[in-house]
Amino acid sequence: MITCALALEFNEARNQLGLEEITTKKDIPRIAQNRNITLVYTGIGKINSSIHLSKILTQSSFDLVIDSGTCGSLKENIKPFDIVISKKTIDFYNLKQRGTEFNSNYKGNILSNDTTVGSIESSITTSNSVDMLKNMGVDIVTWESAAIFAVSKNFNTEVISIRGVTDSCNGNTISDFKQNRVKVCKKLYNRIKTFCNSV
């Protein structure tokens, strides 16, 4: 199963993976699938992701959940348009308060970038915020990853994160996200398609 939080991500993944939507645009969660892949649009944020992923995992079991979507980078060596694969995420309640750390035991055929995802529901746009998170071991930031990891673990399902970098978490974060998101999503779901074909 692949999860995503934005309609743009869902539409790109559905098209690239050749999936048929079995819900309507008004539904949340939205679901598209074929014989081998289920794509779930959870909506934005940890609460939406937790509720909708739990609902799906209560009804069906999966070998692997792929937390997918866009992200921002805190590191100079992780640039916009890079695709990052991670098996570790840290939940943050706010910029100063670190929560639970989740690690994946997935042993499948992936080349993990050995990156740590910081899951915080905030756009990181200042150097102070970047420095605080970097000092706590974070490489990239997303909003939903900790929720996806927590729920997957609760249902004894392996989980990894495959994310496309849209921005470098600075004063241009919002404009870079808007400018880069379409191209990043195309590259991201092409990579996920390759991964799914190899599993």
N, C-alpha and C. Protein backbone atom coordinates (compact mmCIF):
# COMPACT_ATOMS: atom_id res chain seq x y z
N MET A 1 0.83 -1.17 0.00
CA MET A 1 0.00 0.00 0.00
C MET A 1 0.88 1.24 0.00
N ILE A 2 0.42 2.25 -0.71
CA ILE A 2 1.11 3.54 -0.78
C ILE A 2 0.16 4.59 -0.22
N THR A 3 0.66 5.44 0.69
CA THR A 3 -0.15 6.53 1.21
C THR A 3 0.38 7.86 0.69
N CYS A 4 -0.50 8.84 0.58
CA CYS A 4 -0.12 10.21 0.24
C CYS A 4 -1.14 11.15 0.85
N ALA A 5 -0.75 12.41 1.03
CA ALA A 5 -1.60 13.36 1.73
C ALA A 5 -2.18 14.46 0.85
N LEU A 6 -1.65 14.64 -0.35
CA LEU A 6 -2.11 15.71 -1.23
C LEU A 6 -2.80 15.13 -2.46
N ALA A 7 -3.82 15.83 -2.95
CA ALA A 7 -4.53 15.38 -4.16
C ALA A 7 -3.59 15.30 -5.35
N LEU A 8 -2.66 16.24 -5.48
CA LEU A 8 -1.68 16.22 -6.56
C LEU A 8 -0.87 14.93 -6.53
N GLU A 9 -0.43 14.53 -5.34
CA GLU A 9 0.34 13.30 -5.20
C GLU A 9 -0.52 12.09 -5.59
N PHE A 10 -1.75 12.06 -5.12
CA PHE A 10 -2.66 10.95 -5.44
C PHE A 10 -2.87 10.83 -6.94
N ASN A 11 -3.16 11.94 -7.59
CA ASN A 11 -3.43 11.92 -9.03
C ASN A 11 -2.21 11.46 -9.83
N GLU A 12 -1.03 11.96 -9.46
CA GLU A 12 0.20 11.57 -10.16
C GLU A 12 0.50 10.09 -9.94
N ALA A 13 0.39 9.64 -8.70
CA ALA A 13 0.66 8.22 -8.41
C ALA A 13 -0.34 7.33 -9.13
N ARG A 14 -1.60 7.69 -9.09
CA ARG A 14 -2.64 6.89 -9.77
C ARG A 14 -2.34 6.76 -11.25
N ASN A 15 -1.98 7.87 -11.89
CA ASN A 15 -1.70 7.86 -13.33
C ASN A 15 -0.43 7.07 -13.66
N GLN A 16 0.65 7.32 -12.93
CA GLN A 16 1.92 6.64 -13.24
C GLN A 16 1.87 5.15 -12.95
N LEU A 17 1.13 4.77 -11.92
CA LEU A 17 1.07 3.36 -11.53
C LEU A 17 -0.04 2.60 -12.24
N GLY A 18 -0.83 3.31 -13.06
CA GLY A 18 -1.90 2.67 -13.81
C GLY A 18 -3.00 2.10 -12.92
N LEU A 19 -3.39 2.88 -11.92
CA LEU A 19 -4.39 2.42 -10.96
C LEU A 19 -5.78 2.95 -11.32
N GLU A 20 -6.79 2.22 -10.91
CA GLU A 20 -8.17 2.63 -11.13
C GLU A 20 -8.75 3.12 -9.81
N GLU A 21 -9.29 4.34 -9.83
CA GLU A 21 -9.87 4.88 -8.60
C GLU A 21 -11.21 4.21 -8.33
N ILE A 22 -11.40 3.76 -7.08
CA ILE A 22 -12.64 3.10 -6.71
C ILE A 22 -13.50 3.98 -5.81
N THR A 23 -13.06 5.22 -5.60
CA THR A 23 -13.81 6.20 -4.81
C THR A 23 -14.06 7.42 -5.68
N THR A 24 -14.73 8.42 -5.12
CA THR A 24 -14.95 9.67 -5.84
C THR A 24 -14.03 10.75 -5.30
N LYS A 25 -13.94 11.87 -6.02
CA LYS A 25 -13.07 12.97 -5.59
C LYS A 25 -13.50 13.55 -4.26
N LYS A 26 -14.75 13.37 -3.88
CA LYS A 26 -15.26 13.91 -2.61
C LYS A 26 -14.92 13.01 -1.43
N ASP A 27 -14.58 11.77 -1.70
CA ASP A 27 -14.30 10.81 -0.63
C ASP A 27 -12.93 11.06 0.00
N ILE A 28 -12.86 10.85 1.30
CA ILE A 28 -11.58 10.75 1.99
C ILE A 28 -11.77 9.62 2.99
N PRO A 29 -10.99 8.56 2.93
CA PRO A 29 -9.85 8.44 2.03
C PRO A 29 -10.29 8.13 0.60
N ARG A 30 -9.49 8.61 -0.34
CA ARG A 30 -9.65 8.20 -1.75
C ARG A 30 -8.75 7.00 -1.96
N ILE A 31 -9.24 6.08 -2.77
CA ILE A 31 -8.50 4.83 -2.99
C ILE A 31 -8.45 4.53 -4.48
N ALA A 32 -7.27 4.15 -4.94
CA ALA A 32 -7.09 3.66 -6.31
C ALA A 32 -6.28 2.38 -6.19
N GLN A 33 -6.53 1.44 -7.09
CA GLN A 33 -5.81 0.17 -6.97
C GLN A 33 -5.76 -0.59 -8.28
N ASN A 34 -4.89 -1.57 -8.29
CA ASN A 34 -4.88 -2.61 -9.30
C ASN A 34 -4.68 -3.93 -8.55
N ARG A 35 -4.34 -4.97 -9.24
CA ARG A 35 -4.20 -6.27 -8.60
C ARG A 35 -3.13 -6.30 -7.50
N ASN A 36 -2.09 -5.49 -7.66
CA ASN A 36 -0.94 -5.56 -6.75
C ASN A 36 -0.76 -4.36 -5.83
N ILE A 37 -1.33 -3.22 -6.19
CA ILE A 37 -1.04 -1.97 -5.47
C ILE A 37 -2.34 -1.31 -5.03
N THR A 38 -2.35 -0.82 -3.79
CA THR A 38 -3.44 0.02 -3.30
C THR A 38 -2.84 1.37 -2.94
N LEU A 39 -3.43 2.43 -3.45
CA LEU A 39 -3.01 3.81 -3.17
C LEU A 39 -4.09 4.47 -2.33
N VAL A 40 -3.68 5.10 -1.22
CA VAL A 40 -4.64 5.73 -0.32
C VAL A 40 -4.27 7.20 -0.13
N TYR A 41 -5.21 8.07 -0.47
CA TYR A 41 -5.09 9.51 -0.20
C TYR A 41 -5.72 9.75 1.16
N THR A 42 -4.89 10.09 2.15
CA THR A 42 -5.35 10.21 3.54
C THR A 42 -5.84 11.61 3.91
N GLY A 43 -5.45 12.61 3.13
CA GLY A 43 -5.68 13.98 3.54
C GLY A 43 -4.47 14.47 4.33
N ILE A 44 -4.42 15.77 4.56
CA ILE A 44 -3.25 16.41 5.16
C ILE A 44 -3.26 16.29 6.68
N GLY A 45 -2.08 16.05 7.25
CA GLY A 45 -1.90 16.08 8.69
C GLY A 45 -1.89 14.72 9.35
N LYS A 46 -1.36 14.70 10.58
CA LYS A 46 -1.23 13.46 11.32
C LYS A 46 -2.58 12.86 11.70
N ILE A 47 -3.54 13.68 12.07
CA ILE A 47 -4.84 13.16 12.48
C ILE A 47 -5.55 12.50 11.31
N ASN A 48 -5.65 13.20 10.18
CA ASN A 48 -6.29 12.60 9.00
C ASN A 48 -5.59 11.31 8.59
N SER A 49 -4.26 11.35 8.54
CA SER A 49 -3.50 10.16 8.14
C SER A 49 -3.76 9.00 9.09
N SER A 50 -3.76 9.27 10.38
CA SER A 50 -3.99 8.21 11.37
C SER A 50 -5.38 7.60 11.23
N ILE A 51 -6.38 8.44 11.13
CA ILE A 51 -7.76 7.96 11.03
C ILE A 51 -7.95 7.12 9.77
N HIS A 52 -7.55 7.66 8.64
CA HIS A 52 -7.85 6.99 7.37
C HIS A 52 -6.99 5.76 7.12
N LEU A 53 -5.73 5.79 7.54
CA LEU A 53 -4.91 4.59 7.40
C LEU A 53 -5.41 3.49 8.34
N SER A 54 -5.79 3.86 9.56
CA SER A 54 -6.34 2.87 10.50
C SER A 54 -7.58 2.21 9.92
N LYS A 55 -8.44 3.01 9.31
CA LYS A 55 -9.66 2.47 8.71
C LYS A 55 -9.32 1.42 7.64
N ILE A 56 -8.36 1.74 6.78
CA ILE A 56 -7.98 0.82 5.71
C ILE A 56 -7.33 -0.45 6.28
N LEU A 57 -6.42 -0.29 7.25
CA LEU A 57 -5.72 -1.45 7.80
C LEU A 57 -6.63 -2.32 8.67
N THR A 58 -7.73 -1.77 9.15
CA THR A 58 -8.73 -2.57 9.87
C THR A 58 -9.46 -3.49 8.91
N GLN A 59 -9.62 -3.03 7.67
CA GLN A 59 -10.39 -3.79 6.67
C GLN A 59 -9.53 -4.76 5.86
N SER A 60 -8.25 -4.46 5.68
CA SER A 60 -7.37 -5.28 4.84
C SER A 60 -5.97 -5.30 5.43
N SER A 61 -5.22 -6.35 5.12
CA SER A 61 -3.83 -6.40 5.57
C SER A 61 -2.89 -6.24 4.37
N PHE A 62 -1.73 -5.68 4.64
CA PHE A 62 -0.73 -5.43 3.60
C PHE A 62 0.63 -5.84 4.14
N ASP A 63 1.53 -6.23 3.25
CA ASP A 63 2.90 -6.58 3.64
C ASP A 63 3.73 -5.34 3.93
N LEU A 64 3.43 -4.25 3.23
CA LEU A 64 4.25 -3.04 3.34
C LEU A 64 3.40 -1.81 3.09
N VAL A 65 3.63 -0.78 3.90
CA VAL A 65 3.06 0.55 3.66
C VAL A 65 4.20 1.46 3.24
N ILE A 66 4.01 2.16 2.12
CA ILE A 66 4.98 3.16 1.67
C ILE A 66 4.39 4.53 1.94
N ASP A 67 5.01 5.25 2.86
CA ASP A 67 4.66 6.64 3.15
C ASP A 67 5.28 7.48 2.04
N SER A 68 4.45 8.10 1.20
CA SER A 68 5.00 8.84 0.06
C SER A 68 4.52 10.28 0.06
N GLY A 69 5.20 11.10 -0.72
CA GLY A 69 4.80 12.48 -0.89
C GLY A 69 6.00 13.40 -0.96
N THR A 70 5.73 14.68 -0.80
CA THR A 70 6.78 15.68 -0.88
C THR A 70 7.37 15.93 0.51
N CYS A 71 8.54 16.55 0.53
CA CYS A 71 9.20 16.88 1.79
C CYS A 71 10.14 18.06 1.58
N GLY A 72 10.61 18.60 2.68
CA GLY A 72 11.63 19.64 2.65
C GLY A 72 12.93 19.09 3.20
N SER A 73 14.05 19.60 2.73
CA SER A 73 15.37 19.12 3.17
C SER A 73 16.02 20.13 4.11
N LEU A 74 16.68 19.59 5.14
CA LEU A 74 17.45 20.41 6.07
C LEU A 74 18.94 20.36 5.76
N LYS A 75 19.35 19.42 4.91
CA LYS A 75 20.77 19.17 4.65
C LYS A 75 21.19 19.68 3.28
N GLU A 76 22.41 20.19 3.20
CA GLU A 76 22.93 20.72 1.94
C GLU A 76 23.10 19.62 0.89
N ASN A 77 23.37 18.39 1.32
CA ASN A 77 23.60 17.30 0.36
C ASN A 77 22.31 16.63 -0.10
N ILE A 78 21.17 17.05 0.43
CA ILE A 78 19.86 16.56 -0.03
C ILE A 78 19.16 17.75 -0.67
N LYS A 79 19.06 17.72 -1.98
CA LYS A 79 18.62 18.89 -2.74
C LYS A 79 17.22 18.70 -3.32
N PRO A 80 16.57 19.82 -3.69
CA PRO A 80 15.29 19.69 -4.39
C PRO A 80 15.42 18.76 -5.60
N PHE A 81 14.40 17.96 -5.79
CA PHE A 81 14.27 16.95 -6.84
C PHE A 81 14.95 15.62 -6.48
N ASP A 82 15.65 15.56 -5.33
CA ASP A 82 16.18 14.27 -4.87
C ASP A 82 15.02 13.41 -4.37
N ILE A 83 15.18 12.10 -4.49
CA ILE A 83 14.23 11.14 -3.92
C ILE A 83 14.92 10.50 -2.72
N VAL A 84 14.26 10.54 -1.58
CA VAL A 84 14.85 10.09 -0.33
C VAL A 84 14.05 8.91 0.21
N ILE A 85 14.75 7.84 0.55
CA ILE A 85 14.12 6.66 1.14
C ILE A 85 14.60 6.55 2.58
N SER A 86 13.65 6.42 3.49
CA SER A 86 14.01 6.39 4.90
C SER A 86 13.26 5.29 5.64
N LYS A 87 13.93 4.76 6.66
CA LYS A 87 13.31 3.75 7.52
C LYS A 87 13.20 4.26 8.96
N LYS A 88 13.34 5.58 9.14
CA LYS A 88 13.30 6.15 10.49
C LYS A 88 12.60 7.49 10.47
N THR A 89 11.68 7.69 11.41
CA THR A 89 11.01 8.98 11.55
C THR A 89 10.87 9.34 13.02
N ILE A 90 10.92 10.62 13.29
CA ILE A 90 10.75 11.13 14.65
C ILE A 90 9.54 12.06 14.65
N ASP A 91 8.65 11.84 15.59
CA ASP A 91 7.49 12.71 15.74
C ASP A 91 7.90 13.94 16.55
N PHE A 92 7.42 15.10 16.14
CA PHE A 92 7.66 16.33 16.89
C PHE A 92 6.32 16.97 17.22
N TYR A 93 6.16 17.35 18.50
CA TYR A 93 4.95 18.05 18.93
C TYR A 93 5.03 19.52 18.53
N ASN A 94 6.24 20.05 18.59
CA ASN A 94 6.55 21.40 18.13
C ASN A 94 8.05 21.41 17.88
N LEU A 95 8.59 22.55 17.53
CA LEU A 95 10.01 22.60 17.16
C LEU A 95 10.96 22.20 18.28
N LYS A 96 10.55 22.38 19.52
CA LYS A 96 11.45 22.11 20.64
C LYS A 96 11.16 20.79 21.34
N GLN A 97 10.01 20.20 21.08
CA GLN A 97 9.61 19.01 21.83
C GLN A 97 9.56 17.78 20.92
N ARG A 98 10.55 16.95 21.09
CA ARG A 98 10.68 15.71 20.32
C ARG A 98 9.79 14.64 20.94
N GLY A 99 9.11 13.89 20.08
CA GLY A 99 8.23 12.82 20.54
C GLY A 99 8.84 11.45 20.26
N THR A 100 7.99 10.53 19.86
CA THR A 100 8.38 9.14 19.65
C THR A 100 9.20 8.97 18.38
N GLU A 101 10.18 8.08 18.44
CA GLU A 101 10.98 7.71 17.27
C GLU A 101 10.50 6.35 16.78
N PHE A 102 10.31 6.23 15.47
CA PHE A 102 9.86 4.98 14.86
C PHE A 102 10.91 4.50 13.88
N ASN A 103 11.23 3.21 13.95
CA ASN A 103 12.19 2.60 13.03
C ASN A 103 11.54 1.44 12.31
N SER A 104 11.87 1.28 11.05
CA SER A 104 11.35 0.18 10.25
C SER A 104 12.34 -0.97 10.24
N ASN A 105 11.81 -2.17 10.26
CA ASN A 105 12.64 -3.37 10.15
C ASN A 105 12.58 -3.96 8.75
N TYR A 106 12.04 -3.20 7.81
CA TYR A 106 11.86 -3.71 6.45
C TYR A 106 13.20 -4.14 5.87
N LYS A 107 13.26 -5.37 5.39
CA LYS A 107 14.51 -5.93 4.86
C LYS A 107 14.46 -6.10 3.34
N GLY A 108 13.43 -5.60 2.71
CA GLY A 108 13.26 -5.79 1.27
C GLY A 108 14.31 -5.08 0.45
N ASN A 109 14.11 -5.11 -0.83
CA ASN A 109 15.06 -4.61 -1.82
C ASN A 109 14.98 -3.09 -1.94
N ILE A 110 15.57 -2.38 -0.98
CA ILE A 110 15.62 -0.91 -1.08
C ILE A 110 17.03 -0.43 -0.78
N LEU A 111 17.37 0.68 -1.34
CA LEU A 111 18.60 1.37 -1.00
C LEU A 111 18.21 2.57 -0.16
N SER A 112 18.18 2.40 1.15
CA SER A 112 17.79 3.48 2.04
C SER A 112 18.89 4.54 2.05
N ASN A 113 18.47 5.79 2.05
CA ASN A 113 19.43 6.89 2.11
C ASN A 113 19.97 7.09 3.52
N ASP A 114 19.51 6.26 4.49
CA ASP A 114 19.91 6.38 5.88
C ASP A 114 19.59 7.77 6.41
N THR A 115 18.44 8.28 6.02
CA THR A 115 18.01 9.60 6.47
C THR A 115 16.97 9.47 7.56
N THR A 116 16.86 10.51 8.35
CA THR A 116 15.84 10.56 9.40
C THR A 116 14.82 11.62 9.03
N VAL A 117 13.55 11.21 9.06
CA VAL A 117 12.44 12.11 8.77
C VAL A 117 11.98 12.75 10.07
N GLY A 118 11.85 14.06 10.07
CA GLY A 118 11.21 14.76 11.17
C GLY A 118 9.78 15.05 10.77
N SER A 119 8.84 14.58 11.57
CA SER A 119 7.43 14.74 11.24
C SER A 119 6.84 15.84 12.13
N ILE A 120 6.63 17.01 11.53
CA ILE A 120 6.13 18.17 12.27
C ILE A 120 5.16 18.93 11.38
N GLU A 121 4.02 19.28 11.94
CA GLU A 121 2.99 19.95 11.14
C GLU A 121 3.23 21.46 11.10
N SER A 122 4.28 21.82 10.39
CA SER A 122 4.66 23.22 10.24
C SER A 122 5.61 23.33 9.06
N SER A 123 5.51 24.43 8.33
CA SER A 123 6.47 24.69 7.27
C SER A 123 7.72 25.28 7.91
N ILE A 124 8.84 24.66 7.66
CA ILE A 124 10.11 25.09 8.25
C ILE A 124 10.75 26.09 7.30
N THR A 125 10.84 27.35 7.75
CA THR A 125 11.28 28.42 6.85
C THR A 125 12.41 29.29 7.40
N THR A 126 12.86 29.03 8.63
CA THR A 126 13.91 29.88 9.19
C THR A 126 15.15 29.06 9.53
N SER A 127 16.30 29.72 9.54
CA SER A 127 17.55 29.02 9.84
C SER A 127 17.56 28.51 11.28
N ASN A 128 16.92 29.24 12.21
CA ASN A 128 16.84 28.77 13.60
C ASN A 128 16.09 27.44 13.68
N SER A 129 14.97 27.34 12.97
CA SER A 129 14.18 26.10 12.96
C SER A 129 14.98 24.97 12.35
N VAL A 130 15.64 25.25 11.24
CA VAL A 130 16.47 24.24 10.57
C VAL A 130 17.55 23.75 11.51
N ASP A 131 18.26 24.68 12.16
CA ASP A 131 19.35 24.30 13.07
C ASP A 131 18.85 23.46 14.24
N MET A 132 17.70 23.84 14.82
CA MET A 132 17.15 23.06 15.94
C MET A 132 16.88 21.62 15.53
N LEU A 133 16.23 21.45 14.38
CA LEU A 133 15.89 20.11 13.91
C LEU A 133 17.13 19.31 13.50
N LYS A 134 18.08 19.97 12.85
CA LYS A 134 19.33 19.29 12.47
C LYS A 134 20.07 18.80 13.72
N ASN A 135 20.07 19.62 14.77
CA ASN A 135 20.74 19.24 16.01
C ASN A 135 20.06 18.06 16.70
N MET A 136 18.82 17.78 16.34
CA MET A 136 18.11 16.62 16.88
C MET A 136 18.15 15.43 15.92
N GLY A 137 19.02 15.53 14.89
CA GLY A 137 19.26 14.39 14.01
C GLY A 137 18.33 14.27 12.81
N VAL A 138 17.61 15.34 12.47
CA VAL A 138 16.64 15.29 11.38
C VAL A 138 17.30 15.72 10.07
N ASP A 139 16.97 15.00 8.98
CA ASP A 139 17.50 15.31 7.65
C ASP A 139 16.46 15.94 6.73
N ILE A 140 15.22 15.41 6.77
CA ILE A 140 14.12 15.94 5.96
C ILE A 140 12.89 16.10 6.84
N VAL A 141 11.95 16.94 6.41
CA VAL A 141 10.73 17.15 7.20
C VAL A 141 9.48 16.89 6.35
N THR A 142 8.51 16.25 7.00
CA THR A 142 7.20 16.00 6.43
C THR A 142 6.17 16.30 7.51
N TRP A 143 4.92 16.26 7.15
CA TRP A 143 3.87 16.44 8.15
C TRP A 143 3.35 15.10 8.67
N GLU A 144 3.19 14.12 7.80
CA GLU A 144 2.42 12.92 8.14
C GLU A 144 3.24 11.68 8.49
N SER A 145 4.51 11.64 8.23
CA SER A 145 5.29 10.40 8.32
C SER A 145 5.17 9.68 9.66
N ALA A 146 5.26 10.41 10.77
CA ALA A 146 5.18 9.75 12.09
C ALA A 146 3.85 9.04 12.27
N ALA A 147 2.77 9.65 11.79
CA ALA A 147 1.46 9.01 11.90
C ALA A 147 1.40 7.74 11.08
N ILE A 148 1.94 7.78 9.86
CA ILE A 148 1.93 6.60 8.99
C ILE A 148 2.76 5.48 9.63
N PHE A 149 3.93 5.81 10.17
CA PHE A 149 4.77 4.81 10.83
C PHE A 149 4.08 4.25 12.07
N ALA A 150 3.49 5.12 12.90
CA ALA A 150 2.85 4.67 14.14
C ALA A 150 1.69 3.73 13.87
N VAL A 151 0.82 4.11 12.94
CA VAL A 151 -0.34 3.27 12.63
C VAL A 151 0.11 1.95 12.01
N SER A 152 1.06 2.01 11.09
CA SER A 152 1.56 0.77 10.46
C SER A 152 2.12 -0.18 11.51
N LYS A 153 2.93 0.36 12.42
CA LYS A 153 3.50 -0.46 13.50
C LYS A 153 2.38 -1.06 14.36
N ASN A 154 1.36 -0.26 14.66
CA ASN A 154 0.23 -0.73 15.47
C ASN A 154 -0.48 -1.92 14.82
N PHE A 155 -0.49 -1.96 13.49
CA PHE A 155 -1.12 -3.05 12.76
C PHE A 155 -0.09 -4.10 12.30
N ASN A 156 1.11 -4.07 12.89
CA ASN A 156 2.17 -5.04 12.58
C ASN A 156 2.47 -5.12 11.09
N THR A 157 2.53 -3.95 10.47
CA THR A 157 2.80 -3.85 9.03
C THR A 157 4.11 -3.10 8.83
N GLU A 158 4.99 -3.64 8.00
CA GLU A 158 6.25 -2.96 7.71
C GLU A 158 5.97 -1.64 7.00
N VAL A 159 6.84 -0.67 7.20
CA VAL A 159 6.65 0.66 6.63
C VAL A 159 8.00 1.28 6.27
N ILE A 160 8.02 1.99 5.16
CA ILE A 160 9.16 2.81 4.77
C ILE A 160 8.62 4.13 4.23
N SER A 161 9.48 5.10 4.13
CA SER A 161 9.11 6.40 3.57
C SER A 161 9.91 6.63 2.29
N ILE A 162 9.21 6.97 1.22
CA ILE A 162 9.87 7.38 -0.03
C ILE A 162 9.31 8.76 -0.37
N ARG A 163 10.17 9.75 -0.31
CA ARG A 163 9.74 11.15 -0.44
C ARG A 163 10.53 11.88 -1.51
N GLY A 164 9.87 12.86 -2.14
CA GLY A 164 10.50 13.73 -3.11
C GLY A 164 10.73 15.11 -2.51
N VAL A 165 11.93 15.62 -2.63
CA VAL A 165 12.29 16.91 -2.02
C VAL A 165 11.85 18.06 -2.92
N THR A 166 11.02 18.95 -2.37
CA THR A 166 10.57 20.13 -3.13
C THR A 166 11.33 21.39 -2.77
N ASP A 167 11.92 21.43 -1.57
CA ASP A 167 12.51 22.70 -1.11
C ASP A 167 13.61 22.44 -0.08
N SER A 168 14.32 23.52 0.25
CA SER A 168 15.45 23.44 1.19
C SER A 168 15.16 24.08 2.53
N CYS A 169 13.90 24.16 2.93
CA CYS A 169 13.52 24.67 4.25
C CYS A 169 14.20 26.00 4.58
N ASN A 170 13.86 27.00 3.80
CA ASN A 170 14.40 28.34 4.03
C ASN A 170 13.31 29.36 3.74
N GLY A 171 13.67 30.59 3.58
CA GLY A 171 12.69 31.64 3.30
C GLY A 171 11.91 31.44 2.02
N ASN A 172 12.41 30.58 1.13
CA ASN A 172 11.73 30.30 -0.14
C ASN A 172 10.91 29.01 -0.12
N THR A 173 10.73 28.42 1.05
CA THR A 173 10.08 27.11 1.16
C THR A 173 8.74 27.06 0.44
N ILE A 174 7.87 28.00 0.72
CA ILE A 174 6.51 27.96 0.15
C ILE A 174 6.56 28.14 -1.36
N SER A 175 7.32 29.13 -1.84
CA SER A 175 7.39 29.36 -3.29
C SER A 175 8.09 28.21 -4.00
N ASP A 176 9.15 27.65 -3.40
CA ASP A 176 9.83 26.50 -4.00
C ASP A 176 8.91 25.29 -4.06
N PHE A 177 8.15 25.06 -2.99
CA PHE A 177 7.19 23.95 -2.98
C PHE A 177 6.20 24.10 -4.14
N LYS A 178 5.63 25.28 -4.26
CA LYS A 178 4.64 25.52 -5.32
C LYS A 178 5.26 25.35 -6.71
N GLN A 179 6.48 25.83 -6.87
CA GLN A 179 7.14 25.77 -8.18
C GLN A 179 7.59 24.35 -8.54
N ASN A 180 8.02 23.57 -7.56
CA ASN A 180 8.66 22.28 -7.82
C ASN A 180 7.76 21.06 -7.66
N ARG A 181 6.62 21.20 -7.01
CA ARG A 181 5.83 20.03 -6.60
C ARG A 181 5.40 19.13 -7.76
N VAL A 182 5.02 19.69 -8.90
CA VAL A 182 4.56 18.86 -10.01
C VAL A 182 5.70 17.99 -10.55
N LYS A 183 6.86 18.61 -10.82
CA LYS A 183 8.01 17.85 -11.34
C LYS A 183 8.52 16.84 -10.32
N VAL A 184 8.52 17.24 -9.05
CA VAL A 184 8.98 16.32 -8.00
C VAL A 184 8.06 15.11 -7.92
N CYS A 185 6.75 15.33 -7.98
CA CYS A 185 5.80 14.21 -7.92
C CYS A 185 5.97 13.26 -9.10
N LYS A 186 6.20 13.80 -10.28
CA LYS A 186 6.44 12.93 -11.45
C LYS A 186 7.65 12.03 -11.21
N LYS A 187 8.74 12.62 -10.74
CA LYS A 187 9.96 11.86 -10.48
C LYS A 187 9.75 10.86 -9.34
N LEU A 188 9.08 11.30 -8.29
CA LEU A 188 8.84 10.45 -7.12
C LEU A 188 8.06 9.20 -7.49
N TYR A 189 6.94 9.37 -8.19
CA TYR A 189 6.09 8.21 -8.46
C TYR A 189 6.65 7.33 -9.59
N ASN A 190 7.54 7.88 -10.41
CA ASN A 190 8.28 7.05 -11.34
C ASN A 190 9.23 6.13 -10.57
N ARG A 191 9.88 6.69 -9.55
CA ARG A 191 10.78 5.89 -8.69
C ARG A 191 10.00 4.83 -7.92
N ILE A 192 8.84 5.21 -7.39
CA ILE A 192 8.02 4.24 -6.65
C ILE A 192 7.52 3.14 -7.59
N LYS A 193 7.20 3.50 -8.82
CA LYS A 193 6.78 2.49 -9.80
C LYS A 193 7.90 1.48 -10.02
N THR A 194 9.12 1.97 -10.18
CA THR A 194 10.27 1.08 -10.34
C THR A 194 10.43 0.18 -9.12
N PHE A 195 10.29 0.77 -7.94
CA PHE A 195 10.40 -0.01 -6.70
C PHE A 195 9.31 -1.09 -6.64
N CYS A 196 8.08 -0.73 -6.92
CA CYS A 196 6.96 -1.70 -6.87
C CYS A 196 7.16 -2.83 -7.87
N ASN A 197 7.72 -2.53 -9.03
CA ASN A 197 7.97 -3.56 -10.04
C ASN A 197 9.08 -4.52 -9.63
N SER A 198 9.94 -4.09 -8.69
CA SER A 198 11.06 -4.94 -8.27
C SER A 198 10.73 -5.80 -7.06
N VAL A 199 9.60 -5.53 -6.43
CA VAL A 199 9.25 -6.26 -5.19
C VAL A 199 8.48 -7.52 -5.53
